[in-house]
Protein backbone atom coordinates (compact mmCIF):
# COMPACT_ATOMS: atom_id res chain seq x y z
CA MET A 1 111.04 -149.64 36.37
CA LEU A 2 112.88 -147.34 39.08
CA PHE A 3 114.88 -144.71 38.11
CA TYR A 4 117.91 -143.37 40.77
CA VAL A 5 118.60 -139.83 41.40
CA GLU A 6 121.64 -139.88 39.32
CA LYS A 7 119.51 -140.72 36.36
CA ALA A 8 117.48 -137.95 37.20
CA PHE A 9 120.26 -135.60 37.09
CA GLY A 10 122.04 -137.29 34.76
CA GLU A 11 123.04 -135.65 31.10
CA GLY A 12 119.91 -134.65 29.22
CA SER A 13 117.62 -135.15 31.88
CA LEU A 14 115.15 -132.36 32.82
CA VAL A 15 116.64 -131.54 36.04
CA HIS A 16 120.24 -131.47 34.30
CA CYS A 17 118.83 -129.27 31.54
CA TYR A 18 117.44 -126.81 33.89
CA TYR A 19 120.55 -126.35 35.45
CA LYS A 20 122.73 -126.36 32.52
CA GLU A 21 120.48 -123.87 30.61
CA ARG A 22 121.37 -121.29 33.92
CA GLY A 23 125.10 -121.80 33.64
CA MET A 24 124.79 -123.64 37.22
CA ILE A 25 126.65 -126.54 38.37
CA LEU A 26 124.53 -129.17 40.29
CA ALA A 27 125.49 -129.32 43.82
CA GLU A 28 124.43 -130.74 47.06
CA GLN A 29 122.86 -127.62 48.20
CA ILE A 30 121.72 -124.33 46.27
CA ASP A 31 120.03 -121.34 47.22
CA PHE A 32 116.33 -121.31 46.93
CA SER A 33 116.34 -118.47 44.61
CA ALA A 34 118.04 -120.76 42.23
CA LEU A 35 115.28 -123.17 42.29
CA PRO A 36 112.86 -123.47 39.70
CA ILE A 37 109.65 -121.97 41.98
CA SER A 38 107.73 -118.83 41.79
CA ASN A 39 108.71 -115.41 43.01
CA GLU A 40 105.91 -115.81 45.57
CA ILE A 41 107.24 -119.00 47.25
CA LYS A 42 110.85 -117.43 47.16
CA ARG A 43 109.36 -114.43 48.84
CA ALA A 44 107.85 -116.43 51.58
CA VAL A 45 110.80 -118.55 52.02
CA GLU A 46 113.24 -115.78 52.19
CA GLU A 47 110.87 -114.22 55.07
CA MET A 48 111.01 -117.03 56.76
CA GLY A 49 114.99 -117.05 57.33
CA PHE A 50 115.68 -119.81 54.56
CA HIS A 51 118.23 -119.14 51.93
CA GLU A 52 120.00 -122.44 51.08
CA ALA A 53 117.85 -125.28 50.34
CA THR A 54 118.90 -128.54 52.07
CA VAL A 55 120.03 -131.62 50.35
CA ILE A 56 116.88 -133.32 49.90
CA GLN A 57 114.95 -129.98 48.86
CA SER A 58 117.86 -129.20 46.52
CA ARG A 59 117.52 -133.04 44.81
CA SER A 60 113.49 -133.22 45.07
CA ILE A 61 111.94 -129.99 43.97
CA PRO A 62 113.02 -129.70 40.69
CA VAL A 63 112.12 -133.33 39.96
CA ILE A 64 108.95 -133.55 41.51
CA LEU A 65 108.19 -130.30 39.59
CA SER A 66 109.03 -132.10 36.15
CA GLY A 67 106.04 -134.37 36.97
CA LYS A 68 108.06 -137.39 37.93
CA ASP A 69 106.82 -139.72 40.44
CA VAL A 70 109.33 -139.39 43.27
CA ILE A 71 110.39 -141.90 46.32
CA GLY A 72 112.32 -139.49 48.80
CA HIS A 73 114.35 -141.74 51.16
CA SER A 74 115.70 -139.66 53.98
CA GLN A 75 115.54 -139.14 57.60
CA THR A 76 113.28 -137.20 59.61
CA GLY A 77 114.26 -133.62 60.01
CA THR A 78 115.95 -133.23 57.08
CA GLY A 79 113.49 -130.51 55.50
CA LYS A 80 110.92 -133.02 53.63
CA THR A 81 107.89 -130.74 54.24
CA ALA A 82 109.49 -128.05 51.89
CA ALA A 83 111.07 -130.80 49.58
CA PHE A 84 107.23 -131.97 48.67
CA GLY A 85 105.33 -128.86 50.28
CA ILE A 86 106.80 -126.39 47.84
CA PRO A 87 106.06 -128.21 44.63
CA ALA A 88 102.54 -129.31 46.00
CA LEU A 89 101.70 -125.56 45.96
CA GLU A 90 103.22 -124.95 42.67
CA HIS A 91 101.01 -127.82 41.28
CA VAL A 92 97.81 -126.22 42.27
CA ASN A 93 95.67 -124.83 39.30
CA PRO A 94 93.98 -122.08 39.76
CA ASP A 95 91.51 -122.69 36.97
CA LEU A 96 90.06 -125.53 39.70
CA HIS A 97 89.57 -123.22 42.63
CA GLY A 98 87.84 -124.68 45.71
CA ARG A 99 88.54 -128.53 44.10
CA VAL A 100 90.85 -131.00 46.15
CA GLN A 101 93.82 -131.19 43.66
CA VAL A 102 96.65 -132.22 46.43
CA LEU A 103 96.29 -134.94 49.06
CA ILE A 104 99.04 -135.34 51.69
CA LEU A 105 98.97 -138.03 53.90
CA CYS A 106 100.69 -138.19 57.38
CA PRO A 107 100.93 -140.54 60.34
CA THR A 108 100.01 -138.58 63.24
CA ARG A 109 97.72 -135.37 63.82
CA GLU A 110 100.87 -133.63 65.17
CA LEU A 111 102.67 -134.21 61.91
CA ALA A 112 99.59 -133.24 60.06
CA MET A 113 99.26 -130.18 61.94
CA GLN A 114 103.01 -129.06 61.47
CA SER A 115 103.00 -129.90 57.90
CA SER A 116 99.76 -127.52 57.64
CA GLU A 117 101.57 -124.63 59.37
CA GLU A 118 104.53 -125.02 57.29
CA MET A 119 102.77 -125.25 53.87
CA HIS A 120 100.39 -121.91 54.95
CA LYS A 121 103.97 -120.27 55.57
CA PHE A 122 105.18 -121.06 52.10
CA ALA A 123 101.92 -120.18 50.68
CA LYS A 124 101.42 -117.07 52.14
CA TYR A 125 102.11 -114.81 49.17
CA LYS A 126 100.42 -117.21 46.82
CA SER A 127 96.61 -116.25 46.41
CA GLY A 128 93.63 -118.43 45.89
CA ILE A 129 95.12 -121.70 47.53
CA ARG A 130 93.16 -123.03 50.78
CA ILE A 131 95.00 -125.78 52.89
CA VAL A 132 92.95 -127.79 55.10
CA PRO A 133 94.13 -130.22 57.65
CA VAL A 134 91.57 -133.15 58.78
CA TYR A 135 92.82 -135.76 61.66
CA GLY A 136 91.47 -137.56 64.49
CA GLY A 137 90.88 -135.99 67.84
CA ALA A 138 89.39 -133.04 66.33
CA SER A 139 86.00 -131.94 65.79
CA ILE A 140 84.75 -133.35 62.18
CA GLU A 141 81.88 -130.83 62.21
CA ASN A 142 84.32 -128.30 61.87
CA GLN A 143 86.29 -130.01 59.46
CA ILE A 144 83.24 -130.69 57.44
CA ARG A 145 82.34 -127.15 57.38
CA MET A 146 85.89 -126.19 56.06
CA LEU A 147 85.75 -128.89 53.51
CA LYS A 148 82.55 -127.33 51.96
CA ARG A 149 83.96 -123.71 51.49
CA GLY A 150 86.45 -125.49 49.17
CA ALA A 151 90.03 -126.47 49.50
CA GLU A 152 92.64 -127.11 47.02
CA ILE A 153 95.42 -129.07 49.62
CA ILE A 154 94.43 -131.30 52.01
CA ILE A 155 96.63 -132.79 54.61
CA GLY A 156 95.46 -135.60 56.97
CA THR A 157 95.80 -138.96 58.70
CA PRO A 158 94.52 -142.06 56.83
CA GLY A 159 91.58 -142.86 59.19
CA ARG A 160 90.30 -139.51 59.06
CA VAL A 161 90.72 -139.04 55.29
CA MET A 162 88.42 -142.13 54.57
CA ASP A 163 86.04 -141.30 57.29
CA HIS A 164 85.55 -137.65 55.13
CA MET A 165 85.48 -140.04 51.73
CA ARG A 166 82.74 -142.50 53.22
CA ARG A 167 80.52 -139.16 54.25
CA ARG A 168 81.19 -137.68 50.61
CA THR A 169 82.55 -134.67 52.51
CA LEU A 170 85.90 -135.33 50.62
CA LYS A 171 85.99 -135.56 46.95
CA LEU A 172 89.13 -136.60 44.97
CA ASP A 173 87.34 -136.39 41.33
CA ASN A 174 89.91 -133.27 40.62
CA LEU A 175 92.89 -135.06 42.73
CA SER A 176 96.31 -135.02 40.56
CA MET A 177 99.00 -135.11 43.30
CA VAL A 178 99.30 -137.87 46.50
CA ILE A 179 101.91 -137.52 48.92
CA LEU A 180 102.80 -140.03 51.44
CA ASP A 181 104.89 -138.57 54.17
CA GLU A 182 106.62 -140.88 56.58
CA ALA A 183 105.29 -143.82 54.84
CA ASP A 184 107.22 -146.24 56.94
CA GLU A 185 105.60 -144.75 59.83
CA MET A 186 102.05 -145.14 58.76
CA LEU A 187 102.59 -148.83 57.84
CA ASN A 188 103.98 -149.70 61.31
CA MET A 189 100.84 -148.10 62.45
CA GLY A 190 98.66 -150.46 60.63
CA PHE A 191 97.43 -147.82 57.80
CA ARG A 192 98.52 -150.00 54.62
CA GLU A 193 94.91 -151.02 53.82
CA ASP A 194 93.52 -147.51 54.13
CA ILE A 195 96.39 -146.04 52.13
CA GLU A 196 95.72 -148.58 49.61
CA THR A 197 91.90 -148.05 49.48
CA ILE A 198 92.70 -144.06 49.34
CA LEU A 199 95.10 -144.99 46.34
CA GLN A 200 92.80 -147.04 44.56
CA ASP A 201 90.11 -144.35 44.95
CA ALA A 202 92.63 -141.67 43.55
CA PRO A 203 91.84 -140.93 39.65
CA GLU A 204 94.51 -141.49 37.07
CA PRO A 205 96.60 -140.36 35.96
CA ARG A 206 98.08 -138.69 38.83
CA GLN A 207 101.73 -137.67 40.19
CA THR A 208 102.46 -140.04 43.32
CA ILE A 209 105.20 -138.69 45.87
CA LEU A 210 106.25 -140.96 48.71
CA PHE A 211 108.93 -139.92 51.69
CA SER A 212 110.27 -142.50 53.92
CA ALA A 213 113.14 -142.82 56.51
CA THR A 214 113.53 -146.80 55.62
CA MET A 215 112.88 -148.72 52.28
CA SER A 216 111.10 -152.13 53.72
CA ASN A 217 109.70 -154.49 51.56
CA GLU A 218 106.23 -153.16 52.26
CA ILE A 219 107.39 -149.93 50.83
CA MET A 220 108.67 -150.91 47.81
CA ALA A 221 105.60 -153.38 47.18
CA ILE A 222 103.40 -149.65 47.72
CA THR A 223 105.71 -148.19 44.91
CA THR A 224 105.52 -150.99 42.38
CA GLU A 225 102.08 -150.81 42.58
CA TYR A 226 101.03 -147.41 42.94
CA GLN A 227 103.96 -145.39 41.23
CA THR A 228 104.94 -144.97 37.36
CA GLU A 229 108.74 -145.09 36.75
CA PRO A 230 109.50 -143.48 40.06
CA VAL A 231 112.58 -141.34 40.55
CA LEU A 232 114.33 -142.44 43.90
CA VAL A 233 115.98 -139.33 45.65
CA LYS A 234 118.18 -140.76 48.09
CA VAL A 235 119.80 -138.86 51.19
CA VAL A 236 122.69 -140.67 53.15
CA ASN A 237 123.19 -138.99 56.54
CA LYS A 238 127.03 -138.11 57.20
CA GLU A 239 127.83 -139.36 60.58
CA LEU A 240 128.29 -136.61 63.08
CA THR A 241 131.66 -136.92 65.08
CA VAL A 242 131.66 -134.74 68.19
CA PRO A 243 134.06 -135.87 70.57
CA ASN A 244 134.52 -132.98 72.56
CA ILE A 245 130.91 -131.48 72.70
CA SER A 246 128.65 -132.99 75.28
CA GLN A 247 125.09 -132.54 74.54
CA PHE A 248 122.16 -131.96 76.87
CA PHE A 249 118.72 -131.27 77.07
CA TYR A 250 116.36 -129.99 79.47
CA ASP A 251 112.20 -130.57 79.51
CA VAL A 252 110.86 -127.42 80.21
CA PRO A 253 107.20 -126.49 81.86
CA LYS A 254 105.35 -124.59 79.72
CA GLY A 255 105.74 -120.96 79.08
CA ARG A 256 109.11 -120.95 81.31
CA LYS A 257 111.96 -121.53 78.73
CA LEU A 258 113.11 -117.80 79.35
CA ASP A 259 113.30 -118.34 83.12
CA VAL A 260 115.29 -121.60 82.37
CA LEU A 261 117.58 -119.98 79.70
CA SER A 262 118.21 -117.17 82.41
CA ARG A 263 119.05 -119.69 85.18
CA LEU A 264 121.11 -121.81 82.84
CA LEU A 265 123.03 -118.94 81.78
CA GLU A 266 123.84 -117.83 85.58
CA TYR A 267 124.60 -121.80 86.64
CA TYR A 268 126.99 -121.95 83.78
CA ASP A 269 128.33 -118.62 83.52
CA PRO A 270 129.94 -118.83 80.14
CA THR A 271 132.42 -116.28 79.12
CA ARG A 272 130.91 -116.94 75.70
CA ALA A 273 127.35 -118.33 74.71
CA MET A 274 125.55 -118.45 71.65
CA VAL A 275 121.83 -118.79 71.73
CA PHE A 276 119.76 -120.03 68.43
CA CYS A 277 116.52 -119.47 67.68
CA ASN A 278 114.14 -120.18 64.69
CA THR A 279 112.77 -116.83 63.80
CA LYS A 280 113.90 -113.21 63.46
CA LYS A 281 111.14 -112.33 65.92
CA MET A 282 112.26 -114.40 68.39
CA VAL A 283 115.71 -113.11 68.08
CA ASP A 284 114.62 -109.60 68.76
CA GLU A 285 111.84 -110.84 71.57
CA LEU A 286 114.62 -112.87 73.30
CA LEU A 287 117.21 -110.23 73.32
CA GLU A 288 115.03 -107.53 74.93
CA ALA A 289 113.88 -110.22 77.77
CA LEU A 290 117.74 -111.41 78.74
CA ARG A 291 118.77 -107.26 78.37
CA ASP A 292 115.79 -106.71 81.08
CA ARG A 293 117.30 -109.32 83.16
CA GLY A 294 120.63 -107.66 83.04
CA PHE A 295 122.51 -110.23 80.78
CA THR A 296 124.81 -108.60 78.09
CA ALA A 297 123.61 -109.55 75.02
CA GLU A 298 123.36 -108.91 71.14
CA GLY A 299 121.32 -110.12 68.22
CA LEU A 300 121.91 -111.37 64.87
CA HIS A 301 119.49 -111.95 61.99
CA GLY A 302 119.03 -111.52 58.36
CA ASP A 303 117.10 -108.20 58.65
CA MET A 304 119.93 -106.39 60.06
CA LYS A 305 122.25 -104.06 57.99
CA GLN A 306 125.65 -105.15 57.39
CA ALA A 307 127.21 -102.22 59.48
CA VAL A 308 125.23 -103.39 62.24
CA ARG A 309 126.00 -107.05 62.07
CA THR A 310 129.92 -106.08 61.81
CA THR A 311 129.43 -104.12 65.05
CA VAL A 312 127.60 -106.97 66.73
CA MET A 313 130.43 -109.51 65.51
CA ASP A 314 133.31 -107.23 66.86
CA ALA A 315 132.04 -106.84 70.13
CA TYR A 316 131.28 -110.66 70.60
CA LYS A 317 134.61 -111.31 69.34
CA ARG A 318 136.29 -108.76 71.62
CA GLY A 319 134.51 -110.05 74.65
CA ARG A 320 132.56 -107.29 75.27
CA VAL A 321 129.32 -108.86 74.92
CA SER A 322 129.12 -112.32 76.20
CA ILE A 323 125.65 -113.93 74.62
CA LEU A 324 124.80 -113.82 70.87
CA ILE A 325 121.51 -114.84 69.69
CA ALA A 326 121.08 -115.52 66.44
CA THR A 327 119.30 -117.40 63.49
CA ASP A 328 120.87 -120.34 61.66
CA VAL A 329 121.05 -118.35 58.37
CA ALA A 330 122.66 -115.05 60.20
CA ALA A 331 125.07 -117.23 61.84
CA ARG A 332 126.36 -118.89 58.80
CA GLY A 333 130.09 -117.98 58.13
CA ILE A 334 130.68 -116.97 61.67
CA ASP A 335 134.34 -118.13 62.85
CA VAL A 336 134.72 -117.43 66.70
CA ASP A 337 136.72 -119.72 68.96
CA ASN A 338 136.44 -120.18 72.48
CA VAL A 339 132.48 -120.28 72.64
CA ASP A 340 131.78 -122.37 75.81
CA VAL A 341 128.38 -123.42 75.29
CA VAL A 342 125.69 -123.27 72.49
CA PHE A 343 121.86 -123.25 73.62
CA ASN A 344 119.23 -124.31 70.98
CA TYR A 345 116.34 -122.12 72.48
CA ASP A 346 113.99 -124.41 70.26
CA LEU A 347 114.55 -127.35 68.14
CA PRO A 348 116.06 -126.54 65.09
CA SER A 349 113.46 -126.99 61.95
CA ASP A 350 116.12 -128.91 60.22
CA MET A 351 118.52 -131.49 61.92
CA GLU A 352 121.30 -130.16 59.69
CA TYR A 353 120.93 -126.85 61.61
CA TYR A 354 121.41 -128.85 64.84
CA VAL A 355 124.85 -130.13 63.41
CA HIS A 356 126.05 -126.66 62.24
CA ARG A 357 124.83 -125.06 65.76
CA ILE A 358 126.74 -127.16 67.96
CA GLY A 359 129.73 -127.22 65.92
CA ARG A 360 130.17 -123.74 66.96
CA THR A 361 131.46 -124.98 70.39
CA GLY A 362 134.27 -127.55 71.13
CA ARG A 363 136.63 -126.05 68.52
CA ALA A 364 140.36 -126.48 68.40
CA GLY A 365 140.56 -129.66 70.58
CA LYS A 366 138.63 -127.72 73.38
CA GLU A 367 135.70 -128.98 75.44
CA GLY A 368 132.25 -128.11 74.40
CA ARG A 369 128.92 -128.15 75.46
CA SER A 370 125.35 -128.00 73.83
CA ILE A 371 122.08 -127.53 75.64
CA THR A 372 118.68 -127.95 73.96
CA LEU A 373 115.13 -126.64 75.78
CA ILE A 374 112.38 -128.60 74.86
CA SER A 375 108.82 -128.73 76.06
CA GLY A 376 106.14 -131.01 75.70
CA ARG A 377 105.95 -135.00 74.71
CA SER A 378 106.17 -134.19 70.97
CA GLN A 379 109.50 -132.41 71.38
CA LEU A 380 110.91 -135.33 73.60
CA TYR A 381 110.49 -137.30 70.52
CA GLY A 382 112.16 -134.56 68.57
CA ILE A 383 115.14 -135.02 70.72
CA ARG A 384 114.92 -139.01 69.74
CA ASP A 385 115.23 -137.86 66.29
CA VAL A 386 118.24 -135.79 66.45
CA GLU A 387 119.80 -138.56 68.46
CA ARG A 388 119.42 -141.02 65.43
CA PHE A 389 120.10 -138.39 62.75
CA THR A 390 123.51 -137.46 64.26
CA LYS A 391 124.23 -140.91 65.73
CA SER A 392 125.04 -139.01 69.15
CA LYS A 393 123.70 -139.29 72.60
CA ILE A 394 121.86 -136.16 74.25
CA THR A 395 121.45 -136.42 78.17
CA MET A 396 118.61 -135.08 79.97
CA ASN A 397 119.49 -132.88 82.73
CA THR A 398 117.53 -131.61 85.96
CA ILE A 399 116.99 -127.91 85.77
CA PRO A 400 118.94 -126.13 88.70
CA SER A 401 117.21 -124.86 91.47
CA LEU A 402 117.60 -121.37 93.20
CA HIS A 403 119.80 -122.59 96.11
CA GLU A 404 122.24 -124.09 93.49
CA ILE A 405 122.26 -120.75 91.39
CA ALA A 406 123.09 -119.06 95.03
CA GLU A 407 125.81 -121.30 95.67
CA VAL A 408 127.01 -120.50 92.28
CA LYS A 409 126.80 -116.72 92.69
CA ASN A 410 128.33 -116.92 95.80
CA ARG A 411 131.60 -118.97 94.70
CA LYS A 412 131.89 -116.47 91.85
CA LEU A 413 131.69 -113.86 94.15
CA ILE A 414 134.34 -115.08 96.55
CA ARG A 415 136.56 -115.59 93.51
CA LEU A 416 136.37 -112.17 92.41
CA LEU A 417 137.02 -110.73 96.05
CA LYS A 418 139.99 -113.00 96.26
CA GLU A 419 141.29 -111.66 93.00
CA THR A 420 140.83 -108.06 93.97
CA VAL A 421 142.52 -108.59 97.01
CA GLU A 422 145.54 -109.99 95.57
CA ASN A 423 145.83 -107.46 93.08
CA GLY A 424 145.82 -104.69 95.82
CA GLU A 425 145.07 -101.90 93.58
CA LEU A 426 142.71 -99.18 94.09
CA LEU A 427 141.61 -100.57 97.71
CA SER A 428 143.36 -97.25 99.85
CA LYS A 429 140.05 -95.12 99.70
CA HIS A 430 137.78 -98.11 100.76
CA ARG A 431 140.25 -98.96 103.44
CA LYS A 432 140.00 -95.39 104.79
CA ALA A 433 136.30 -96.05 105.30
CA VAL A 434 136.88 -99.70 106.96
CA ASP A 435 139.30 -98.07 109.41
CA ALA A 436 136.85 -95.37 110.33
CA LEU A 437 134.27 -97.66 111.03
CA ALA A 438 137.04 -100.05 113.08
CA GLU A 439 137.49 -96.77 115.29
CA GLN A 440 133.93 -96.81 116.19
CA GLY A 441 134.40 -100.51 117.14
CA ILE A 442 132.84 -102.35 114.39
CA ASP A 443 134.85 -105.80 113.34
CA PRO A 444 136.22 -105.32 109.86
CA ALA A 445 134.99 -108.74 109.30
CA ASP A 446 131.20 -107.40 109.88
CA VAL A 447 132.04 -104.65 107.40
CA ALA A 448 132.74 -106.96 104.66
CA CYS A 449 129.55 -109.10 105.48
CA ALA A 450 127.44 -105.96 105.31
CA ALA A 451 129.10 -105.20 102.04
CA LEU A 452 128.55 -108.32 100.46
CA LYS A 453 124.97 -108.35 101.68
CA LEU A 454 124.46 -104.88 100.02
CA LEU A 455 126.01 -106.23 96.85
CA GLN A 456 123.85 -109.24 96.41
CA ALA A 457 120.86 -107.08 97.24
CA TYR A 458 121.89 -104.91 94.33
CA GLU A 459 122.28 -107.76 92.03
CA THR A 460 119.02 -109.29 93.03
CA ASP A 461 117.18 -105.96 91.99
CA THR A 462 119.10 -106.07 88.65
CA GLN A 463 119.07 -109.41 87.67
CA ILE A 464 115.43 -110.37 87.69
CA ASP A 465 115.05 -114.14 88.31
CA ALA A 466 111.60 -116.17 88.59
CA ALA A 467 110.11 -115.41 91.89
CA GLU A 468 109.31 -119.07 92.75
CA ASP A 469 111.33 -122.09 91.89
CA ILE A 470 110.80 -123.93 88.73
CA ILE A 471 109.34 -127.44 89.20
CA GLN A 472 111.08 -129.98 87.05
CA VAL A 473 109.33 -131.85 84.56
CA GLU A 474 109.29 -135.52 85.11
CA PRO A 475 111.02 -137.96 82.67
CA ARG A 476 108.24 -139.00 80.05
CA ARG A 477 106.82 -142.78 80.16
CA GLY A 478 109.35 -144.52 78.21
CA TYR A 479 112.23 -142.54 79.27
CA ASP A 480 114.58 -144.57 81.64
CA ARG A 481 117.65 -142.44 83.09
CA ASP A 482 118.66 -145.21 85.42
CA LYS A 483 118.58 -148.68 83.23
CA ARG A 484 120.33 -147.03 79.86
CA GLU A 485 122.51 -144.33 78.90
CA PRO A 486 120.76 -140.82 79.52
CA GLY A 487 119.27 -139.30 76.18
CA VAL A 488 118.39 -142.83 74.71
CA LEU A 489 114.44 -143.61 74.75
CA LYS A 490 113.66 -147.20 75.63
CA LYS A 491 112.55 -149.41 72.75
CA LYS A 492 110.18 -151.43 74.47
CA SER A 493 106.56 -150.28 74.55
CA ALA A 494 106.21 -147.69 77.79
CA ALA A 495 102.88 -149.50 78.24
CA ARG A 496 104.31 -153.05 78.55
CA ARG A 497 106.66 -152.19 81.34
CA SER A 498 105.54 -153.45 84.76
CA ASP A 499 106.66 -150.14 86.48
CA VAL A 500 104.40 -148.07 84.16
CA PRO A 501 100.69 -147.47 85.48
CA VAL A 502 98.47 -148.27 82.40
CA ALA A 503 94.72 -147.99 81.56
CA ARG A 504 93.09 -151.13 80.05
CA PHE A 505 90.38 -150.39 77.24
CA SER A 506 87.66 -152.32 75.55
CA ILE A 507 86.96 -151.71 72.03
CA SER A 508 83.84 -153.10 70.17
CA VAL A 509 85.46 -154.63 67.07
CA GLY A 510 87.13 -158.19 66.94
CA LYS A 511 87.98 -161.12 64.46
CA LYS A 512 84.57 -161.05 63.07
CA ASP A 513 85.05 -157.73 61.70
CA LYS A 514 88.60 -158.73 60.67
CA VAL A 515 90.56 -156.55 62.86
CA GLY A 516 94.02 -157.51 63.43
CA ALA A 517 96.29 -156.01 66.46
CA ASN A 518 97.83 -153.36 63.56
CA HIS A 519 94.40 -151.98 62.96
CA ILE A 520 93.81 -151.18 66.74
CA VAL A 521 96.83 -149.53 67.20
CA GLY A 522 96.71 -147.60 63.97
CA ALA A 523 93.28 -146.09 65.02
CA VAL A 524 94.31 -145.40 68.72
CA ALA A 525 97.52 -143.79 67.49
CA GLY A 526 96.14 -141.74 64.33
CA GLU A 527 92.93 -140.49 66.86
CA SER A 528 94.69 -139.82 69.79
CA GLY A 529 98.28 -138.65 68.52
CA LEU A 530 100.11 -141.00 70.54
CA PRO A 531 102.89 -142.74 68.82
CA GLY A 532 102.14 -146.37 68.22
CA LYS A 533 105.08 -147.75 70.36
CA VAL A 534 103.38 -146.53 73.65
CA ILE A 535 100.27 -148.69 73.07
CA GLY A 536 100.72 -151.98 74.98
CA ASN A 537 99.19 -155.35 74.95
CA VAL A 538 96.40 -155.68 72.23
CA ASP A 539 94.16 -158.67 72.90
CA ILE A 540 91.53 -159.36 70.01
CA ARG A 541 88.65 -161.36 71.03
CA ASP A 542 85.67 -162.76 68.62
CA SER A 543 83.39 -159.45 68.95
CA HIS A 544 85.60 -157.00 71.25
CA SER A 545 88.95 -156.66 71.91
CA PHE A 546 91.39 -155.08 74.59
CA PHE A 547 94.40 -152.60 74.60
CA GLU A 548 96.58 -150.57 77.09
CA VAL A 549 98.00 -147.18 77.12
CA PRO A 550 100.00 -145.37 79.74
CA LYS A 551 97.57 -144.32 82.50
CA GLU A 552 98.49 -140.94 81.93
CA PHE A 553 97.06 -140.71 78.53
CA ALA A 554 93.81 -142.51 79.44
CA ASP A 555 91.40 -139.59 79.31
CA ASP A 556 93.01 -138.38 76.12
CA VAL A 557 92.58 -141.96 74.44
CA LEU A 558 88.61 -142.05 75.54
CA ARG A 559 87.82 -138.43 74.70
CA THR A 560 89.40 -138.92 70.76
CA VAL A 561 89.36 -142.69 70.04
CA ASN A 562 85.76 -143.35 71.26
CA GLY A 563 83.47 -143.51 68.03
CA CYS A 564 86.56 -143.61 65.62
CA ARG A 565 85.70 -146.01 62.45
CA ILE A 566 88.08 -149.15 62.01
CA ARG A 567 87.66 -151.03 58.87
CA GLY A 568 84.34 -149.18 58.24
CA LYS A 569 82.71 -149.93 61.58
CA ARG A 570 82.26 -147.55 64.51
CA ALA A 571 84.34 -148.39 67.50
CA GLU A 572 82.92 -147.72 70.94
CA VAL A 573 85.62 -147.39 73.39
CA ALA A 574 85.50 -147.80 77.18
CA LEU A 575 87.78 -147.78 80.13
CA VAL A 576 87.85 -151.23 81.68
CA LYS A 577 90.40 -150.39 84.39
CA ALA A 578 93.71 -148.87 85.42
CA LYS A 579 96.69 -150.61 86.86
CA LYS A 580 98.88 -149.49 89.24
């Protein structure tokens, strides 16, 4: 029997009673301070800069805390980690210290690492809780050492979790909560049998939580088999309509975000810009760095006193400051028109924040521009998630070169000179100097050129830029800027495209081992961290098989996949050849 969220929040329900007892009206989003969570968690959340819970968090956390099995149906980027992570932390029984009580399964090592980092932040003031991530592509010996020290929460990929279960380094005797994060993606990667094996070995009774962006027949089959009267918490995304906002992103070389942001500020030369950062610390650091480079900027975050906030906003509104750097929470309630461009210095932790951020520009029927800086393959996939979430296109742009920046500065200088000459004021004392030089036989045109040279030299000294040019990151494999609209990743597997160099591997499992293509794709993706969609042709033979990946990932695949276990058998992987 499936209970929908309306019933969970209905008259007489545990969740409804919780709000009713406190005289509260159940809304789409509520403050974390109003949620039934411990003061330690509230303190950590506040320190992270979060005040208002997202819709999925507002709806899921009370239901999970009530002990119900839950199906969370929401898109990536809606704040799911906190939606299940906070109740998981509250679920831990201190009397069972050092024993595994919560198991969180993730499709990839990146997501496992990301979830572990977030959970550690939430648990900052919760003493006696150890969180251990286990995933392929990392030293299993180190993981075994961490597990032997004891842990209450395990976050891992299905393959590596099963590996530890077989080795008896991970014991589930005291497990009372299992969470499947991005269950649909795990099924797409061929982890269904692994998931079912883990769930069958997990003791009863237990609380089973499942989060998925889609609700396929396979997902429903798992919920029917392994959940008891689950509550469906469904969050439907509202389509983002931003007809006046052009959305772009720049793929930035590692460690060069500050340089690229500085260059873009010079290139676009906005009269008024907003730069969003994910943390207060980042706001302070970026503010200092931009000021050192000669930009007029101010920062805004939750630790600032109200009087300072008021002064900063007044300077920004009056145009005395052209750049405002802020966290998402601090920027709420700011109503400023004529913002030329919004910069996402990082992808926001919640995609709803992305919508709020870019909505600061393009107001009152005017044209707006949003720019997001990313770095690395995983963040490129994050851009793809944002596109799906917002149902809009985000175009990849090329970082302006130093030559282009110089041209922009020259055009700006010429425009200012023209305006100054046409204004005609306060030029008399300067004309005397020019006339004196002319009497010495110096052409006034040469005097103007020399003055410009000195001015540009002064600007170079005060406005610091990178000494060397920034080498543009090439579009990632699977990203086609010519054959499809910019900002849209190709759905076809990158390794199956004829124009992408691929590496062909042999793997020592085949039909006799009852292995299918989904098992190989799941193992390769789970161990290497590659998305399943970039894994190309899989050829299953009797005693061995072949698979292909883009050549650029060959070394990583060989290092991480070799020796993994598929359906209980150790798989040897070898590079057969690389195709051009």
